[in-house]
Each structure stands twice: as structure tokens, then as C-alpha cells.
Amino acid sequence: MSARPASFEVQSFERVDATPGTALLRLQGTWISSQRERLSAPALFIDDGRRTHRLPPLPGPDDATPLATPDGTHWRAAFRVPAELLTGRVAYALDAGGGTLVDLPGPQKRAAAPGGGATARDRDRDRSDGDGPAVAELRHTVEAERARRTQAEQAADERRDAIRELERRLAEERGARAEAEEQARAEREAREQTEQAAGQVSGRAQQADQRIVALEARVAELVRDRRAAAQAAQEAQTETVLARERVADAIATEEALRTALEQSRRDLEAAVAAARAETEARLRDQGRLETQALVQRAASEVDEARGAAAAATAQ
């Protein structure tokens, strides 16, 4: 949760007509904040209805950059304003930066006290208006020099703080640089290891490529062998089919021959029986000698027929 902006409690806001055409606005009050906070140099804003004018404070004894605290810090400042801006309905505000903008009431007009009738406090406060032009200018010069010295001291403090901050950042940068160098060294070693591993991987990859080429050649050879074997198997299958067909033809031929042989044998036996019957009849008719001659001739024919049948069976 962000802290609330500082506030300013107005104690007095006065207008003193210092010179013709010029007014001096004197502001006193207390800066209050929830925590100690160094504010920017406050500026007075005057809105005359036509435009807004920003006026810086005159150099004075109080700090140009007030410190706001929880207990409150007294602060006063004076602003030199052209009198023409203070005519009509005018709005006043005090801006200390960081979102701190304080609305101010209208200033109370106060006449400049004569030189002999004013109190010491009034003389001190109005000295810049009651003295002559040369003395007032000298006083303003001294106050400006004092303000410049204060600003220089503040700038020196800021420079010292900046130097300390730079030294801290430099130490951080040195640490970061050392860490970066260590990381770079580790990355360099990792890169060298990676390159070495990459070289080994490249060698293994080349060996693998060579094995792949050899395997591809072997696969191609096996494919050729398989195709040759498939072709030989196809040819063998074709030869087998043809052989089976030839065997079937041979079996059919053998069966036909056996059938023909059986028929020839039956025919032969029938012829032999007929010849025997005829021979027996002739023997009875022509006598025994003729019958024997016929029988011998028939037996010779039977032997020839058996020889022919045996030859046919062997084929």
C-alpha cells in the first residue's frame, strides 16, 4: 500500500506590495507526512482565469526542499509576483511534487511597515521591502548566494550518494562480470566437450553410414538372390507341373497298354482254345500225326504271342 502524499497546514499567507507593479507573497506553515519525506522545491501556482503561472520561491533561510515529518516541520517561503496577476478572481496552489498539491486560500493583504515603526521581527521579515534598492539587491544577492551554497551542499550530498550508488553498482557489475566470466568459461568448456562429443558422434555416424551402405548392398544382393530363387522355384514348379502331366500321360498310356494287353491275352487265349478245339477236331478227322503237327504249330504261335505280349509290357 503506497503512502499518502504529504500535506501542508497553512499558518499565514500574506501579500505585501513591495514596489509598484510587484507584490511579495509570504507563506508560512507546516509540512506533515506519515513518514519522513524530502520534498521537491515547492512552487506557487497562480491561476488568473486566463492561464496558470508557476512561480519559484525566492532564496531564503529555510531549506528550498522541505522535509515533511509525522510531527510536522515548519517552513516559510516568499514569492515575487507581478501585481497584474493578482487582480480579479485568482486561485492559488502549492506544488511540492510527488502528487503533493495543496490548495491555498487567498492571501491577506498587509501594508509594508515604515522603517522606524516596525518590530524587529517585522523588520527582519520586511527588510527586503523596506531597505533601499541597492541594499535590497545586495541582500537578495547574499540570500541567492546562500541558497546556491545550500543547493551546492545538497548537490554534493547527492553526488556523494550517487558515487556510493555507483560504487555499489560497480561492485555488483564486477560480481556480475566475474559470474559472467565464470559462466562463459563453463560454457566454453561445455562447448569444447560438445564439439568433442560431436566429433565422436560424427565418427560413429560415418561408421554407421558405412555399415548402412554395406547392409544396403547386402540387402540388394539378398533381394537379387530371392528374386533368382523365386524365378527358379517358379521354373521348378512349372517343370513339376509338366512332369506331373507327363507322369499322368505315362500312367494313362500304361493303363491303356495293360488294357490292350489284357484284351490281347484274352483274345489269344480264346484263339488258342479255338485252335486247340480245331486241332482236336482235325486230329480226330485227319489222324494223330496231323493233330500233333497242328498242336506243335499252335504251341509255337502261343509262344510267339507270349513273347510279343512280354515285349509290349516291357515298353
Protein backbone atom coordinates (compact mmCIF):
# COMPACT_ATOMS: atom_id res chain seq x y z
CA MET A 1 0.00 0.00 0.00
CA SER A 2 1.55 3.36 -1.10
CA ALA A 3 1.98 6.18 1.43
CA ARG A 4 -0.34 9.19 1.29
CA PRO A 5 1.12 12.43 -0.14
CA ALA A 6 2.43 14.98 2.31
CA SER A 7 0.10 17.78 3.41
CA PHE A 8 0.72 21.43 4.26
CA GLU A 9 -1.05 23.26 7.08
CA VAL A 10 -1.15 26.98 6.28
CA GLN A 11 -0.36 29.31 9.22
CA SER A 12 -0.27 32.54 7.24
CA PHE A 13 -0.44 33.66 3.64
CA GLU A 14 0.22 37.39 3.20
CA ARG A 15 0.57 39.84 0.36
CA VAL A 16 2.92 42.78 0.65
CA ASP A 17 3.08 45.31 -2.15
CA ALA A 18 6.85 45.76 -2.24
CA THR A 19 7.27 48.02 -5.28
CA PRO A 20 4.91 49.46 -7.84
CA GLY A 21 3.81 46.61 -10.10
CA THR A 22 5.34 43.91 -7.86
CA ALA A 23 3.89 42.06 -4.88
CA LEU A 24 5.55 39.77 -2.38
CA LEU A 25 3.56 36.71 -1.27
CA ARG A 26 4.74 35.29 2.06
CA LEU A 27 3.69 31.80 3.06
CA GLN A 28 4.23 30.01 6.39
CA GLY A 29 3.02 26.63 7.50
CA THR A 30 3.91 23.08 8.49
CA TRP A 31 4.72 20.13 6.27
CA ILE A 32 3.24 16.87 7.64
CA SER A 33 3.68 13.32 6.35
CA SER A 34 3.13 9.79 7.66
CA GLN A 35 6.89 9.23 7.35
CA ARG A 36 9.98 11.37 6.93
CA GLU A 37 9.99 12.53 3.34
CA ARG A 38 12.18 15.01 1.49
CA LEU A 39 10.03 17.00 -0.90
CA SER A 40 10.88 18.77 -4.12
CA ALA A 41 11.31 22.55 -4.09
CA PRO A 42 7.69 23.82 -3.80
CA ALA A 43 6.38 26.15 -6.47
CA LEU A 44 3.46 28.55 -6.28
CA PHE A 45 0.75 28.17 -8.93
CA ILE A 46 -1.44 31.16 -9.70
CA ASP A 47 -4.46 30.88 -11.98
CA ASP A 48 -5.72 34.31 -13.02
CA GLY A 49 -8.56 32.91 -15.12
CA ARG A 50 -6.64 33.16 -18.36
CA ARG A 51 -3.70 30.86 -17.71
CA THR A 52 -1.77 29.16 -14.91
CA HIS A 53 1.54 30.69 -13.82
CA ARG A 54 4.25 28.74 -11.99
CA LEU A 55 6.48 30.82 -9.70
CA PRO A 56 9.57 29.52 -7.84
CA PRO A 57 10.29 30.71 -4.28
CA LEU A 58 12.82 33.43 -3.57
CA PRO A 59 16.07 32.34 -1.88
CA GLY A 60 15.59 32.34 1.86
CA PRO A 61 16.84 30.98 5.16
CA ASP A 62 14.63 27.90 5.07
CA ASP A 63 15.50 24.77 3.11
CA ALA A 64 14.47 25.04 -0.53
CA THR A 65 13.46 21.35 -0.38
CA PRO A 66 11.43 20.99 2.83
CA LEU A 67 11.34 17.88 4.97
CA ALA A 68 7.89 16.53 5.84
CA THR A 69 7.67 14.56 9.09
CA PRO A 70 4.90 12.97 11.21
CA ASP A 71 5.35 15.70 13.87
CA GLY A 72 5.38 18.46 11.29
CA THR A 73 8.22 20.71 10.04
CA HIS A 74 7.86 24.50 9.97
CA TRP A 75 8.56 26.05 6.61
CA ARG A 76 8.28 29.52 5.11
CA ALA A 77 8.88 30.99 1.69
CA ALA A 78 8.37 34.18 -0.26
CA PHE A 79 7.33 34.58 -3.89
CA ARG A 80 7.77 37.66 -6.08
CA VAL A 81 4.64 38.08 -8.22
CA PRO A 82 3.68 40.68 -10.83
CA ALA A 83 0.79 42.65 -9.33
CA GLU A 84 -1.24 42.32 -12.52
CA LEU A 85 -1.64 38.57 -11.85
CA LEU A 86 -3.37 39.24 -8.53
CA THR A 87 -6.36 41.18 -9.90
CA GLY A 88 -9.78 39.61 -10.21
CA ARG A 89 -10.67 36.13 -9.07
CA VAL A 90 -7.39 34.28 -8.61
CA ALA A 91 -6.77 30.70 -7.41
CA TYR A 92 -3.61 29.72 -5.53
CA ALA A 93 -1.97 26.31 -5.03
CA LEU A 94 1.36 24.96 -3.76
CA ASP A 95 3.03 22.07 -5.64
CA ALA A 96 5.82 20.07 -3.94
CA GLY A 97 5.93 17.24 -6.47
CA GLY A 98 5.17 13.56 -5.94
CA GLY A 99 1.42 14.20 -6.06
CA THR A 100 1.59 16.83 -3.29
CA LEU A 101 -0.63 19.71 -4.42
CA VAL A 102 -2.08 21.99 -1.72
CA ASP A 103 -4.89 24.47 -2.34
CA LEU A 104 -4.17 27.84 -0.70
CA PRO A 105 -6.58 30.49 0.50
CA GLY A 106 -6.37 33.99 -0.85
CA PRO A 107 -3.50 35.99 0.69
CA GLN A 108 -4.20 38.59 3.37
CA LYS A 109 -3.07 41.99 2.16
CA ARG A 110 -0.58 43.61 4.52
CA ALA A 111 0.88 47.06 4.16
CA ALA A 112 4.64 47.48 4.28
CA ALA A 113 5.68 48.83 7.73
CA PRO A 114 7.64 52.08 7.91
CA GLY A 115 11.30 51.75 8.74
CA GLY A 116 11.11 53.17 12.33
CA GLY A 117 7.74 51.79 13.49
CA ALA A 118 8.19 48.10 12.76
CA THR A 119 9.16 45.44 15.27
CA ALA A 120 12.48 43.65 14.95
CA ARG A 121 10.72 40.59 13.61
CA ASP A 122 8.81 42.66 11.07
CA ARG A 123 11.97 44.49 10.07
CA ASP A 124 13.75 41.20 9.56
CA ARG A 125 10.84 39.87 7.54
CA ASP A 126 10.25 43.08 5.57
CA ARG A 127 13.85 44.15 5.23
CA SER A 128 13.90 43.21 1.57
CA ASP A 129 10.98 45.63 1.03
CA GLY A 130 11.90 48.45 3.44
CA ASP A 131 15.59 48.88 2.51
CA GLY A 132 16.73 50.87 -0.44
CA PRO A 133 17.14 49.29 -3.89
CA ALA A 134 20.93 48.81 -3.51
CA VAL A 135 20.67 47.23 -0.06
CA ALA A 136 17.74 45.08 -1.16
CA GLU A 137 19.67 43.95 -4.19
CA LEU A 138 22.70 43.16 -2.04
CA ARG A 139 20.52 41.26 0.41
CA HIS A 140 18.95 39.34 -2.44
CA THR A 141 22.43 38.57 -3.76
CA VAL A 142 23.53 37.28 -0.36
CA GLU A 143 20.39 35.22 0.02
CA ALA A 144 20.83 33.88 -3.51
CA GLU A 145 24.45 33.00 -2.73
CA ARG A 146 23.31 31.30 0.48
CA ALA A 147 20.67 29.40 -1.47
CA ARG A 148 23.24 28.41 -4.10
CA ARG A 149 25.55 27.24 -1.33
CA THR A 150 22.72 25.22 0.19
CA GLN A 151 21.90 23.80 -3.20
CA ALA A 152 25.61 23.09 -3.80
CA GLU A 153 25.83 21.27 -0.47
CA GLN A 154 22.71 19.36 -1.32
CA ALA A 155 24.13 18.60 -4.78
CA ALA A 156 27.37 17.47 -3.13
CA ASP A 157 25.38 15.17 -0.84
CA GLU A 158 23.51 13.91 -3.83
CA ARG A 159 26.79 13.40 -5.70
CA ARG A 160 28.21 11.51 -2.73
CA ASP A 161 25.08 9.39 -2.63
CA ALA A 162 25.38 8.92 -6.38
CA ILE A 163 29.06 7.96 -6.01
CA ARG A 164 28.17 5.44 -3.33
CA GLU A 165 25.40 4.14 -5.54
CA LEU A 166 27.84 3.95 -8.46
CA GLU A 167 30.37 2.13 -6.28
CA ARG A 168 27.65 -0.30 -5.23
CA ARG A 169 26.61 -0.78 -8.82
CA LEU A 170 30.27 -1.15 -9.81
CA ALA A 171 30.71 -3.86 -7.19
CA GLU A 172 27.57 -5.54 -8.48
CA GLU A 173 28.83 -5.17 -12.04
CA ARG A 174 32.19 -6.66 -11.01
CA GLY A 175 30.42 -9.55 -9.34
CA ALA A 176 28.16 -9.96 -12.35
CA ARG A 177 31.21 -9.75 -14.64
CA ALA A 178 33.04 -12.39 -12.61
CA GLU A 179 29.95 -14.54 -12.66
CA ALA A 180 29.57 -13.94 -16.41
CA GLU A 181 33.24 -14.83 -16.97
CA GLU A 182 32.79 -17.99 -14.91
CA GLN A 183 29.67 -18.81 -16.84
CA ALA A 184 31.48 -18.07 -20.12
CA ARG A 185 34.32 -20.38 -19.05
CA ALA A 186 31.83 -23.09 -18.15
CA GLU A 187 30.05 -22.55 -21.46
CA ARG A 188 33.40 -22.67 -23.28
CA GLU A 189 34.28 -25.96 -21.60
CA ALA A 190 30.80 -27.27 -22.30
CA ARG A 191 31.17 -26.18 -25.94
CA GLU A 192 34.55 -27.92 -26.21
CA GLN A 193 33.08 -31.06 -24.67
CA THR A 194 30.14 -30.77 -27.01
CA GLU A 195 32.43 -30.34 -30.02
CA GLN A 196 34.50 -33.34 -28.89
CA ALA A 197 31.35 -35.39 -28.42
CA ALA A 198 30.12 -34.12 -31.78
CA GLY A 199 33.38 -35.31 -33.38
CA GLN A 200 32.95 -38.72 -31.80
CA VAL A 201 29.34 -38.80 -32.88
CA SER A 202 30.41 -37.74 -36.37
CA GLY A 203 32.95 -40.62 -36.49
CA ARG A 204 30.36 -43.07 -35.27
CA ALA A 205 27.91 -41.62 -37.78
CA GLN A 206 30.42 -42.19 -40.60
CA GLN A 207 30.98 -45.75 -39.43
CA ALA A 208 27.24 -46.23 -39.22
CA ASP A 209 26.90 -44.80 -42.75
CA GLN A 210 29.49 -47.26 -43.99
CA ARG A 211 27.69 -50.14 -42.26
CA ILE A 212 24.42 -48.91 -43.72
CA VAL A 213 25.96 -48.86 -47.22
CA ALA A 214 27.29 -52.39 -46.71
CA LEU A 215 23.93 -53.55 -45.36
CA GLU A 216 22.12 -51.92 -48.27
CA ALA A 217 24.47 -53.74 -50.69
CA ARG A 218 23.86 -57.00 -48.81
CA VAL A 219 20.11 -56.38 -48.88
CA ALA A 220 20.27 -55.69 -52.61
CA GLU A 221 22.23 -58.93 -53.10
CA LEU A 222 19.70 -60.84 -51.00
CA VAL A 223 16.88 -59.30 -53.00
CA ARG A 224 18.55 -60.42 -56.21
CA ASP A 225 19.08 -63.90 -54.75
CA ARG A 226 15.50 -64.03 -53.58
CA ARG A 227 14.26 -63.00 -56.99
CA ALA A 228 16.52 -65.61 -58.65
CA ALA A 229 15.30 -68.24 -56.17
CA ALA A 230 11.70 -67.22 -56.79
CA GLN A 231 12.29 -67.49 -60.55
CA ALA A 232 13.97 -70.88 -60.12
CA ALA A 233 11.12 -72.02 -57.89
CA GLN A 234 8.66 -70.83 -60.49
CA GLU A 235 10.55 -72.70 -63.18
CA ALA A 236 10.79 -75.78 -60.93
CA GLN A 237 7.09 -75.55 -60.27
CA THR A 238 6.46 -75.31 -64.00
CA GLU A 239 8.74 -78.32 -64.57
CA THR A 240 6.94 -80.17 -61.80
CA VAL A 241 3.60 -79.47 -63.41
CA LEU A 242 4.95 -80.63 -66.74
CA ALA A 243 6.49 -83.73 -65.14
CA ARG A 244 3.21 -84.49 -63.38
CA GLU A 245 1.47 -84.12 -66.70
CA ARG A 246 4.00 -86.45 -68.36
CA VAL A 247 3.64 -88.95 -65.49
CA ALA A 248 -0.12 -88.77 -65.85
CA ASP A 249 0.21 -89.32 -69.59
CA ALA A 250 2.56 -92.24 -68.97
CA ILE A 251 0.18 -93.74 -66.42
CA ALA A 252 -2.70 -93.33 -68.84
CA THR A 253 -0.60 -94.90 -71.60
CA GLU A 254 0.40 -97.73 -69.28
CA GLU A 255 -3.20 -98.32 -68.31
CA ALA A 256 -4.19 -98.36 -71.97
CA LEU A 257 -1.37 -100.79 -72.75
CA ARG A 258 -2.37 -103.01 -69.83
CA THR A 259 -5.94 -102.95 -71.01
CA ALA A 260 -4.83 -103.75 -74.56
CA LEU A 261 -2.51 -106.47 -73.27
CA GLU A 262 -5.26 -108.00 -71.18
CA GLN A 263 -7.55 -107.89 -74.15
CA SER A 264 -4.80 -109.42 -76.33
CA ARG A 265 -4.25 -112.12 -73.74
CA ARG A 266 -7.94 -112.87 -73.60
CA ASP A 267 -8.10 -112.86 -77.38
CA LEU A 268 -5.02 -115.06 -77.53
CA GLU A 269 -6.41 -117.50 -75.03
CA ALA A 270 -9.61 -117.57 -76.97
CA ALA A 271 -7.67 -118.18 -80.20
CA VAL A 272 -5.62 -120.85 -78.51
CA ALA A 273 -8.75 -122.51 -77.22
CA ALA A 274 -10.28 -122.27 -80.66
CA ALA A 275 -7.11 -123.61 -82.24
CA ARG A 276 -7.00 -126.45 -79.79
CA ALA A 277 -10.58 -127.24 -80.43
CA GLU A 278 -9.98 -127.05 -84.13
CA THR A 279 -6.83 -129.10 -83.78
CA GLU A 280 -8.59 -131.70 -81.75
CA ALA A 281 -11.27 -131.85 -84.37
CA ARG A 282 -8.74 -132.12 -87.13
CA LEU A 283 -6.86 -134.75 -85.18
CA ARG A 284 -9.97 -136.67 -84.88
CA ASP A 285 -10.59 -136.17 -88.57
CA GLN A 286 -7.05 -136.40 -90.05
CA GLY A 287 -5.43 -138.60 -87.63
CA ARG A 288 -2.94 -138.37 -84.92
CA LEU A 289 0.06 -137.11 -86.92
CA GLU A 290 -1.61 -134.18 -88.32
CA THR A 291 -3.02 -133.45 -84.97
CA GLN A 292 0.43 -133.39 -83.44
CA ALA A 293 1.71 -131.10 -86.23
CA LEU A 294 -1.11 -128.75 -85.59
CA VAL A 295 -0.56 -128.85 -81.88
CA GLN A 296 3.11 -128.05 -82.30
CA ARG A 297 2.34 -125.17 -84.64
CA ALA A 298 -0.28 -123.82 -82.21
CA ALA A 299 2.16 -124.08 -79.31
CA SER A 300 4.72 -122.18 -81.40
CA GLU A 301 2.17 -119.49 -82.11
CA VAL A 302 1.29 -119.32 -78.44
CA ASP A 303 4.97 -118.85 -77.58
CA GLU A 304 5.31 -116.07 -80.15
CA ALA A 305 2.23 -114.39 -78.82
CA ARG A 306 3.54 -114.57 -75.28
CA GLY A 307 6.85 -113.13 -76.44
CA ALA A 308 5.06 -110.23 -78.15
CA ALA A 309 2.96 -109.62 -75.06
CA ALA A 310 6.05 -109.63 -72.86
CA ALA A 311 7.77 -107.15 -75.18
CA ALA A 312 4.73 -104.84 -75.10
CA THR A 313 4.64 -104.99 -71.31
CA ALA A 314 8.35 -104.14 -71.09
CA GLN A 315 7.84 -100.98 -73.21
